[in-house]
Structure formats: C-alpha cells, structure tokens
Amino acid sequence: MLHPGKSSVSPEKLQWQDLSLKELEIVLKSEEVTGEPEDYQYVRGDGTLHLFNDESSIEVPLESEQTVETAKIESKAQTVETTGAS
C-alpha cells in the first residue's frame, strides 16, 4: 500500500535479467555506470532506476529516455501519415 507523500520506490531488488530491454539499454548507455550489468542490483521507482553494488549507488532516469523515444516514434508516424496521404 502506498502512503501519501511517500516515495513509490519498490523495495524489491531486481537482477539485470529482470530489466526490460529498454531499461537495460539505458543502463548500458549511462556514463555513470561502470562494470557489467550483472555487477548491480536494481530497484525501480519514481521514473528512476536505482542501481546498487558494493561500491556505489547510482540513479538513472528512465522517463526522459522513454519520452524522447516516444517523441521520435510519434514524429515518424506523423511523417508517414503526411506523406502517405497524398
């Protein structure tokens, strides 16, 4: 149960195999992440993927990447509709 004013970060720690392909791609592209994906545990929440290992804790934003990708897809769809309507 979520409480008002509380963070919606799930306490469930995930392994790299539990991530979606998009999440894994974002982790691999992040300059803050060093080492291999299997070196970390992951917690999803608040549009952020929290990465933990023995040496560090990193927060990787998910929302902005998804928003950018969605905008690209929508832009391509509009272009196809415009050119295909002639």
PDB file of N, CA and C in Angstrom:
ATOM      1  N   MET A   1       0.835  -1.183   0.000  1.00  0.00           N
ATOM      2  CA  MET A   1       0.000   0.000   0.000  1.00  0.00           C
ATOM      3  C   MET A   1       0.874   1.238   0.000  1.00  0.00           C
ATOM      4  N   LEU A   2       0.566   2.199  -0.860  1.00  0.00           N
ATOM      5  CA  LEU A   2       1.315   3.450  -0.919  1.00  0.00           C
ATOM      6  C   LEU A   2       0.722   4.440   0.059  1.00  0.00           C
ATOM      7  N   HIS A   3       1.587   5.162   0.738  1.00  0.00           N
ATOM      8  CA  HIS A   3       1.148   6.192   1.660  1.00  0.00           C
ATOM      9  C   HIS A   3       1.366   7.544   1.020  1.00  0.00           C
ATOM     10  N   PRO A   4       0.438   8.487   1.204  1.00  0.00           N
ATOM     11  CA  PRO A   4       0.623   9.828   0.628  1.00  0.00           C
ATOM     12  C   PRO A   4       1.933  10.443   1.093  1.00  0.00           C
ATOM     13  N   GLY A   5       2.642  11.046   0.155  1.00  0.00           N
ATOM     14  CA  GLY A   5       3.896  11.705   0.498  1.00  0.00           C
ATOM     15  C   GLY A   5       5.085  10.771   0.558  1.00  0.00           C
ATOM     16  N   LYS A   6       4.846   9.495   0.423  1.00  0.00           N
ATOM     17  CA  LYS A   6       5.947   8.526   0.456  1.00  0.00           C
ATOM     18  C   LYS A   6       6.432   8.261  -0.958  1.00  0.00           C
ATOM     19  N   SER A   7       7.680   7.902  -1.080  1.00  0.00           N
ATOM     20  CA  SER A   7       8.252   7.564  -2.377  1.00  0.00           C
ATOM     21  C   SER A   7       7.621   6.273  -2.878  1.00  0.00           C
ATOM     22  N   SER A   8       7.475   6.167  -4.191  1.00  0.00           N
ATOM     23  CA  SER A   8       6.900   4.948  -4.752  1.00  0.00           C
ATOM     24  C   SER A   8       7.990   3.969  -5.191  1.00  0.00           C
ATOM     25  N   VAL A   9       9.181   4.085  -4.625  1.00  0.00           N
ATOM     26  CA  VAL A   9      10.262   3.158  -4.935  1.00  0.00           C
ATOM     27  C   VAL A   9       9.917   1.808  -4.327  1.00  0.00           C
ATOM     28  N   SER A  10       9.938   0.793  -5.147  1.00  0.00           N
ATOM     29  CA  SER A  10       9.661  -0.555  -4.679  1.00  0.00           C
ATOM     30  C   SER A  10      10.887  -1.085  -3.953  1.00  0.00           C
ATOM     31  N   PRO A  11      10.690  -1.708  -2.798  1.00  0.00           N
ATOM     32  CA  PRO A  11      11.839  -2.244  -2.073  1.00  0.00           C
ATOM     33  C   PRO A  11      12.394  -3.515  -2.708  1.00  0.00           C
ATOM     34  N   GLU A  12      11.701  -4.051  -3.710  1.00  0.00           N
ATOM     35  CA  GLU A  12      12.134  -5.284  -4.354  1.00  0.00           C
ATOM     36  C   GLU A  12      13.399  -5.047  -5.168  1.00  0.00           C
ATOM     37  N   LYS A  13      14.455  -5.780  -4.830  1.00  0.00           N
ATOM     38  CA  LYS A  13      15.702  -5.662  -5.590  1.00  0.00           C
ATOM     39  C   LYS A  13      15.657  -6.641  -6.757  1.00  0.00           C
ATOM     40  N   LEU A  14      15.993  -6.117  -7.922  1.00  0.00           N
ATOM     41  CA  LEU A  14      15.953  -6.891  -9.153  1.00  0.00           C
ATOM     42  C   LEU A  14      17.365  -7.181  -9.641  1.00  0.00           C
ATOM     43  N   GLN A  15      17.488  -8.192 -10.468  1.00  0.00           N
ATOM     44  CA  GLN A  15      18.744  -8.503 -11.138  1.00  0.00           C
ATOM     45  C   GLN A  15      18.651  -7.989 -12.568  1.00  0.00           C
ATOM     46  N   TRP A  16      19.756  -7.949 -13.275  1.00  0.00           N
ATOM     47  CA  TRP A  16      19.746  -7.397 -14.632  1.00  0.00           C
ATOM     48  C   TRP A  16      18.798  -8.162 -15.555  1.00  0.00           C
ATOM     49  N   GLN A  17      18.597  -9.457 -15.299  1.00  0.00           N
ATOM     50  CA  GLN A  17      17.702 -10.255 -16.140  1.00  0.00           C
ATOM     51  C   GLN A  17      16.241  -9.820 -15.991  1.00  0.00           C
ATOM     52  N   ASP A  18      15.921  -9.131 -14.896  1.00  0.00           N
ATOM     53  CA  ASP A  18      14.553  -8.684 -14.641  1.00  0.00           C
ATOM     54  C   ASP A  18      14.217  -7.373 -15.351  1.00  0.00           C
ATOM     55  N   LEU A  19      15.220  -6.712 -15.907  1.00  0.00           N
ATOM     56  CA  LEU A  19      15.005  -5.426 -16.568  1.00  0.00           C
ATOM     57  C   LEU A  19      14.425  -5.619 -17.965  1.00  0.00           C
ATOM     58  N   SER A  20      13.686  -4.618 -18.419  1.00  0.00           N
ATOM     59  CA  SER A  20      13.215  -4.640 -19.803  1.00  0.00           C
ATOM     60  C   SER A  20      14.414  -4.353 -20.710  1.00  0.00           C
ATOM     61  N   LEU A  21      14.283  -4.660 -21.979  1.00  0.00           N
ATOM     62  CA  LEU A  21      15.378  -4.376 -22.920  1.00  0.00           C
ATOM     63  C   LEU A  21      15.686  -2.887 -22.951  1.00  0.00           C
ATOM     64  N   LYS A  22      14.652  -2.053 -22.869  1.00  0.00           N
ATOM     65  CA  LYS A  22      14.840  -0.600 -22.895  1.00  0.00           C
ATOM     66  C   LYS A  22      15.610  -0.142 -21.658  1.00  0.00           C
ATOM     67  N   GLU A  23      15.242  -0.673 -20.491  1.00  0.00           N
ATOM     68  CA  GLU A  23      15.943  -0.313 -19.254  1.00  0.00           C
ATOM     69  C   GLU A  23      17.403  -0.750 -19.324  1.00  0.00           C
ATOM     70  N   LEU A  24      17.634  -1.944 -19.820  1.00  0.00           N
ATOM     71  CA  LEU A  24      18.997  -2.448 -19.938  1.00  0.00           C
ATOM     72  C   LEU A  24      19.815  -1.585 -20.895  1.00  0.00           C
ATOM     73  N   GLU A  25      19.211  -1.164 -21.989  1.00  0.00           N
ATOM     74  CA  GLU A  25      19.886  -0.288 -22.947  1.00  0.00           C
ATOM     75  C   GLU A  25      20.268   1.042 -22.294  1.00  0.00           C
ATOM     76  N   ILE A  26      19.366   1.606 -21.503  1.00  0.00           N
ATOM     77  CA  ILE A  26      19.641   2.870 -20.813  1.00  0.00           C
ATOM     78  C   ILE A  26      20.796   2.696 -19.834  1.00  0.00           C
ATOM     79  N   VAL A  27      20.805   1.583 -19.105  1.00  0.00           N
ATOM     80  CA  VAL A  27      21.893   1.304 -18.155  1.00  0.00           C
ATOM     81  C   VAL A  27      23.221   1.205 -18.898  1.00  0.00           C
ATOM     82  N   LEU A  28      23.236   0.478 -20.009  1.00  0.00           N
ATOM     83  CA  LEU A  28      24.476   0.291 -20.764  1.00  0.00           C
ATOM     84  C   LEU A  28      24.996   1.598 -21.362  1.00  0.00           C
ATOM     85  N   LYS A  29      24.096   2.512 -21.716  1.00  0.00           N
ATOM     86  CA  LYS A  29      24.499   3.789 -22.306  1.00  0.00           C
ATOM     87  C   LYS A  29      24.900   4.832 -21.262  1.00  0.00           C
ATOM     88  N   SER A  30      24.544   4.609 -20.005  1.00  0.00           N
ATOM     89  CA  SER A  30      24.825   5.583 -18.957  1.00  0.00           C
ATOM     90  C   SER A  30      26.324   5.665 -18.680  1.00  0.00           C
ATOM     91  N   GLU A  31      26.843   6.890 -18.667  1.00  0.00           N
ATOM     92  CA  GLU A  31      28.270   7.087 -18.394  1.00  0.00           C
ATOM     93  C   GLU A  31      28.601   6.861 -16.923  1.00  0.00           C
ATOM     94  N   GLU A  32      27.597   6.957 -16.045  1.00  0.00           N
ATOM     95  CA  GLU A  32      27.822   6.789 -14.610  1.00  0.00           C
ATOM     96  C   GLU A  32      28.017   5.331 -14.223  1.00  0.00           C
ATOM     97  N   VAL A  33      27.508   4.437 -15.048  1.00  0.00           N
ATOM     98  CA  VAL A  33      27.569   3.013 -14.732  1.00  0.00           C
ATOM     99  C   VAL A  33      28.897   2.453 -15.217  1.00  0.00           C
ATOM    100  N   THR A  34      29.638   1.873 -14.279  1.00  0.00           N
ATOM    101  CA  THR A  34      30.897   1.217 -14.628  1.00  0.00           C
ATOM    102  C   THR A  34      30.734  -0.271 -14.342  1.00  0.00           C
ATOM    103  N   GLY A  35      31.468  -1.082 -15.033  1.00  0.00           N
ATOM    104  CA  GLY A  35      31.334  -2.514 -14.833  1.00  0.00           C
ATOM    105  C   GLY A  35      30.216  -3.087 -15.675  1.00  0.00           C
ATOM    106  N   GLU A  36      29.839  -4.293 -15.344  1.00  0.00           N
ATOM    107  CA  GLU A  36      28.838  -5.033 -16.104  1.00  0.00           C
ATOM    108  C   GLU A  36      27.475  -4.954 -15.423  1.00  0.00           C
ATOM    109  N   PRO A  37      26.394  -5.107 -16.197  1.00  0.00           N
ATOM    110  CA  PRO A  37      25.054  -5.056 -15.600  1.00  0.00           C
ATOM    111  C   PRO A  37      24.863  -6.061 -14.462  1.00  0.00           C
ATOM    112  N   GLU A  38      25.495  -7.217 -14.560  1.00  0.00           N
ATOM    113  CA  GLU A  38      25.338  -8.222 -13.508  1.00  0.00           C
ATOM    114  C   GLU A  38      26.044  -7.850 -12.207  1.00  0.00           C
ATOM    115  N   ASP A  39      26.852  -6.779 -12.218  1.00  0.00           N
ATOM    116  CA  ASP A  39      27.533  -6.312 -11.012  1.00  0.00           C
ATOM    117  C   ASP A  39      26.608  -5.513 -10.094  1.00  0.00           C
ATOM    118  N   TYR A  40      25.382  -5.218 -10.549  1.00  0.00           N
ATOM    119  CA  TYR A  40      24.461  -4.352  -9.814  1.00  0.00           C
ATOM    120  C   TYR A  40      23.172  -5.064  -9.442  1.00  0.00           C
ATOM    121  N   GLN A  41      22.510  -4.514  -8.410  1.00  0.00           N
ATOM    122  CA  GLN A  41      21.124  -4.841  -8.113  1.00  0.00           C
ATOM    123  C   GLN A  41      20.326  -3.600  -8.473  1.00  0.00           C
ATOM    124  N   TYR A  42      19.063  -3.783  -8.830  1.00  0.00           N
ATOM    125  CA  TYR A  42      18.248  -2.690  -9.359  1.00  0.00           C
ATOM    126  C   TYR A  42      16.951  -2.558  -8.580  1.00  0.00           C
ATOM    127  N   VAL A  43      16.508  -1.305  -8.417  1.00  0.00           N
ATOM    128  CA  VAL A  43      15.203  -1.019  -7.827  1.00  0.00           C
ATOM    129  C   VAL A  43      14.541   0.034  -8.699  1.00  0.00           C
ATOM    130  N   ARG A  44      13.314  -0.245  -9.164  1.00  0.00           N
ATOM    131  CA  ARG A  44      12.564   0.711  -9.985  1.00  0.00           C
ATOM    132  C   ARG A  44      11.738   1.611  -9.087  1.00  0.00           C
ATOM    133  N   GLY A  45      11.594   2.883  -9.495  1.00  0.00           N
ATOM    134  CA  GLY A  45      10.684   3.766  -8.781  1.00  0.00           C
ATOM    135  C   GLY A  45      10.795   5.204  -9.203  1.00  0.00           C
ATOM    136  N   ASP A  46       9.665   5.905  -9.193  1.00  0.00           N
ATOM    137  CA  ASP A  46       9.609   7.341  -9.485  1.00  0.00           C
ATOM    138  C   ASP A  46      10.265   7.703 -10.810  1.00  0.00           C
ATOM    139  N   GLY A  47      10.123   6.857 -11.830  1.00  0.00           N
ATOM    140  CA  GLY A  47      10.717   7.154 -13.129  1.00  0.00           C
ATOM    141  C   GLY A  47      12.228   7.030 -13.144  1.00  0.00           C
ATOM    142  N   THR A  48      12.764   6.391 -12.123  1.00  0.00           N
ATOM    143  CA  THR A  48      14.212   6.243 -11.990  1.00  0.00           C
ATOM    144  C   THR A  48      14.546   4.782 -11.720  1.00  0.00           C
ATOM    145  N   LEU A  49      15.649   4.346 -12.264  1.00  0.00           N
ATOM    146  CA  LEU A  49      16.169   3.024 -11.960  1.00  0.00           C
ATOM    147  C   LEU A  49      17.347   3.231 -11.017  1.00  0.00           C
ATOM    148  N   HIS A  50      17.247   2.679  -9.814  1.00  0.00           N
ATOM    149  CA  HIS A  50      18.297   2.819  -8.812  1.00  0.00           C
ATOM    150  C   HIS A  50      19.206   1.595  -8.913  1.00  0.00           C
ATOM    151  N   LEU A  51      20.504   1.835  -9.081  1.00  0.00           N
ATOM    152  CA  LEU A  51      21.483   0.761  -9.199  1.00  0.00           C
ATOM    153  C   LEU A  51      22.353   0.745  -7.953  1.00  0.00           C
ATOM    154  N   PHE A  52      22.587  -0.447  -7.421  1.00  0.00           N
ATOM    155  CA  PHE A  52      23.393  -0.597  -6.221  1.00  0.00           C
ATOM    156  C   PHE A  52      24.428  -1.693  -6.428  1.00  0.00           C
ATOM    157  N   ASN A  53      25.634  -1.445  -5.932  1.00  0.00           N
ATOM    158  CA  ASN A  53      26.627  -2.507  -5.806  1.00  0.00           C
ATOM    159  C   ASN A  53      27.438  -2.221  -4.553  1.00  0.00           C
ATOM    160  N   ASP A  54      28.496  -2.982  -4.307  1.00  0.00           N
ATOM    161  CA  ASP A  54      29.290  -2.815  -3.094  1.00  0.00           C
ATOM    162  C   ASP A  54      29.973  -1.461  -3.018  1.00  0.00           C
ATOM    163  N   GLU A  55      30.217  -0.840  -4.165  1.00  0.00           N
ATOM    164  CA  GLU A  55      30.999   0.389  -4.209  1.00  0.00           C
ATOM    165  C   GLU A  55      30.181   1.657  -4.384  1.00  0.00           C
ATOM    166  N   SER A  56      28.989   1.560  -4.974  1.00  0.00           N
ATOM    167  CA  SER A  56      28.270   2.794  -5.297  1.00  0.00           C
ATOM    168  C   SER A  56      26.766   2.591  -5.393  1.00  0.00           C
ATOM    169  N   SER A  57      26.084   3.728  -5.460  1.00  0.00           N
ATOM    170  CA  SER A  57      24.644   3.782  -5.694  1.00  0.00           C
ATOM    171  C   SER A  57      24.418   4.822  -6.782  1.00  0.00           C
ATOM    172  N   ILE A  58      23.724   4.449  -7.844  1.00  0.00           N
ATOM    173  CA  ILE A  58      23.532   5.326  -8.999  1.00  0.00           C
ATOM    174  C   ILE A  58      22.044   5.397  -9.311  1.00  0.00           C
ATOM    175  N   GLU A  59      21.582   6.581  -9.688  1.00  0.00           N
ATOM    176  CA  GLU A  59      20.204   6.747 -10.141  1.00  0.00           C
ATOM    177  C   GLU A  59      20.221   7.081 -11.628  1.00  0.00           C
ATOM    178  N   VAL A  60      19.515   6.289 -12.415  1.00  0.00           N
ATOM    179  CA  VAL A  60      19.439   6.502 -13.860  1.00  0.00           C
ATOM    180  C   VAL A  60      17.995   6.856 -14.203  1.00  0.00           C
ATOM    181  N   PRO A  61      17.751   8.066 -14.737  1.00  0.00           N
ATOM    182  CA  PRO A  61      16.377   8.446 -15.087  1.00  0.00           C
ATOM    183  C   PRO A  61      15.856   7.631 -16.268  1.00  0.00           C
ATOM    184  N   LEU A  62      14.625   7.149 -16.140  1.00  0.00           N
ATOM    185  CA  LEU A  62      14.000   6.371 -17.210  1.00  0.00           C
ATOM    186  C   LEU A  62      13.013   7.200 -18.008  1.00  0.00           C
ATOM    187  N   GLU A  63      12.290   8.074 -17.367  1.00  0.00           N
ATOM    188  CA  GLU A  63      11.205   8.825 -18.004  1.00  0.00           C
ATOM    189  C   GLU A  63      11.686   9.646 -19.186  1.00  0.00           C
ATOM    190  N   SER A  64      12.785  10.381 -19.033  1.00  0.00           N
ATOM    191  CA  SER A  64      13.233  11.262 -20.108  1.00  0.00           C
ATOM    192  C   SER A  64      13.619  10.465 -21.348  1.00  0.00           C
ATOM    193  N   GLU A  65      14.278   9.334 -21.184  1.00  0.00           N
ATOM    194  CA  GLU A  65      14.653   8.496 -22.321  1.00  0.00           C
ATOM    195  C   GLU A  65      13.406   7.977 -23.026  1.00  0.00           C
ATOM    196  N   GLN A  66      12.428   7.513 -22.245  1.00  0.00           N
ATOM    197  CA  GLN A  66      11.208   6.988 -22.846  1.00  0.00           C
ATOM    198  C   GLN A  66      10.448   8.097 -23.556  1.00  0.00           C
ATOM    199  N   THR A  67      10.426   9.281 -22.964  1.00  0.00           N
ATOM    200  CA  THR A  67       9.734  10.412 -23.577  1.00  0.00           C
ATOM    201  C   THR A  67      10.385  10.782 -24.896  1.00  0.00           C
ATOM    202  N   VAL A  68      11.710  10.807 -24.934  1.00  0.00           N
ATOM    203  CA  VAL A  68      12.431  11.130 -26.163  1.00  0.00           C
ATOM    204  C   VAL A  68      12.141  10.080 -27.225  1.00  0.00           C
ATOM    205  N   GLU A  69      12.203   8.813 -26.873  1.00  0.00           N
ATOM    206  CA  GLU A  69      11.939   7.744 -27.831  1.00  0.00           C
ATOM    207  C   GLU A  69      10.498   7.806 -28.329  1.00  0.00           C
ATOM    208  N   THR A  70       9.554   8.053 -27.435  1.00  0.00           N
ATOM    209  CA  THR A  70       8.151   8.158 -27.827  1.00  0.00           C
ATOM    210  C   THR A  70       7.958   9.309 -28.795  1.00  0.00           C
ATOM    211  N   ALA A  71       8.607  10.439 -28.528  1.00  0.00           N
ATOM    212  CA  ALA A  71       8.501  11.607 -29.407  1.00  0.00           C
ATOM    213  C   ALA A  71       9.055  11.277 -30.793  1.00  0.00           C
ATOM    214  N   LYS A  72      10.161  10.542 -30.858  1.00  0.00           N
ATOM    215  CA  LYS A  72      10.743  10.163 -32.145  1.00  0.00           C
ATOM    216  C   LYS A  72       9.781   9.264 -32.923  1.00  0.00           C
ATOM    217  N   ILE A  73       9.193   8.299 -32.232  1.00  0.00           N
ATOM    218  CA  ILE A  73       8.270   7.367 -32.876  1.00  0.00           C
ATOM    219  C   ILE A  73       7.040   8.118 -33.377  1.00  0.00           C
ATOM    220  N   GLU A  74       6.488   9.008 -32.532  1.00  0.00           N
ATOM    221  CA  GLU A  74       5.310   9.774 -32.937  1.00  0.00           C
ATOM    222  C   GLU A  74       5.629  10.679 -34.120  1.00  0.00           C
ATOM    223  N   SER A  75       6.826  11.275 -34.122  1.00  0.00           N
ATOM    224  CA  SER A  75       7.228  12.153 -35.214  1.00  0.00           C
ATOM    225  C   SER A  75       7.311  11.367 -36.523  1.00  0.00           C
ATOM    226  N   LYS A  76       7.884  10.170 -36.471  1.00  0.00           N
ATOM    227  CA  LYS A  76       7.980   9.327 -37.662  1.00  0.00           C
ATOM    228  C   LYS A  76       6.594   8.926 -38.148  1.00  0.00           C
ATOM    229  N   ALA A  77       5.696   8.614 -37.215  1.00  0.00           N
ATOM    230  CA  ALA A  77       4.336   8.216 -37.582  1.00  0.00           C
ATOM    231  C   ALA A  77       3.613   9.365 -38.273  1.00  0.00           C
ATOM    232  N   GLN A  78       3.798  10.588 -37.781  1.00  0.00           N
ATOM    233  CA  GLN A  78       3.157  11.743 -38.402  1.00  0.00           C
ATOM    234  C   GLN A  78       3.720  11.983 -39.798  1.00  0.00           C
ATOM    235  N   THR A  79       5.022  11.786 -39.975  1.00  0.00           N
ATOM    236  CA  THR A  79       5.649  11.958 -41.283  1.00  0.00           C
ATOM    237  C   THR A  79       5.080  10.950 -42.274  1.00  0.00           C
ATOM    238  N   VAL A  80       4.926   9.712 -41.850  1.00  0.00           N
ATOM    239  CA  VAL A  80       4.374   8.667 -42.709  1.00  0.00           C
ATOM    240  C   VAL A  80       2.935   9.008 -43.083  1.00  0.00           C
ATOM    241  N   GLU A  81       2.140   9.468 -42.102  1.00  0.00           N
ATOM    242  CA  GLU A  81       0.750   9.832 -42.380  1.00  0.00           C
ATOM    243  C   GLU A  81       0.682  10.975 -43.386  1.00  0.00           C
ATOM    244  N   THR A  82       1.547  11.970 -43.222  1.00  0.00           N
ATOM    245  CA  THR A  82       1.546  13.141 -44.096  1.00  0.00           C
ATOM    246  C   THR A  82       1.945  12.760 -45.515  1.00  0.00           C
ATOM    247  N   THR A  83       3.020  11.992 -45.655  1.00  0.00           N
ATOM    248  CA  THR A  83       3.498  11.620 -46.987  1.00  0.00           C
ATOM    249  C   THR A  83       2.605  10.555 -47.619  1.00  0.00           C
ATOM    250  N   GLY A  84       2.010   9.706 -46.816  1.00  0.00           N
ATOM    251  CA  GLY A  84       1.159   8.644 -47.341  1.00  0.00           C
ATOM    252  C   GLY A  84      -0.228   9.128 -47.728  1.00  0.00           C
ATOM    253  N   ALA A  85      -0.622  10.322 -47.282  1.00  0.00           N
ATOM    254  CA  ALA A  85      -1.969  10.833 -47.544  1.00  0.00           C
ATOM    255  C   ALA A  85      -2.104  11.485 -48.913  1.00  0.00           C
ATOM    256  N   SER A  86      -1.008  11.625 -49.677  1.00  0.00           N
ATOM    257  CA  SER A  86      -1.096  12.325 -50.962  1.00  0.00           C
ATOM    258  C   SER A  86      -1.673  11.499 -52.064  1.00  0.00           C
TER     259      SER A  86
END
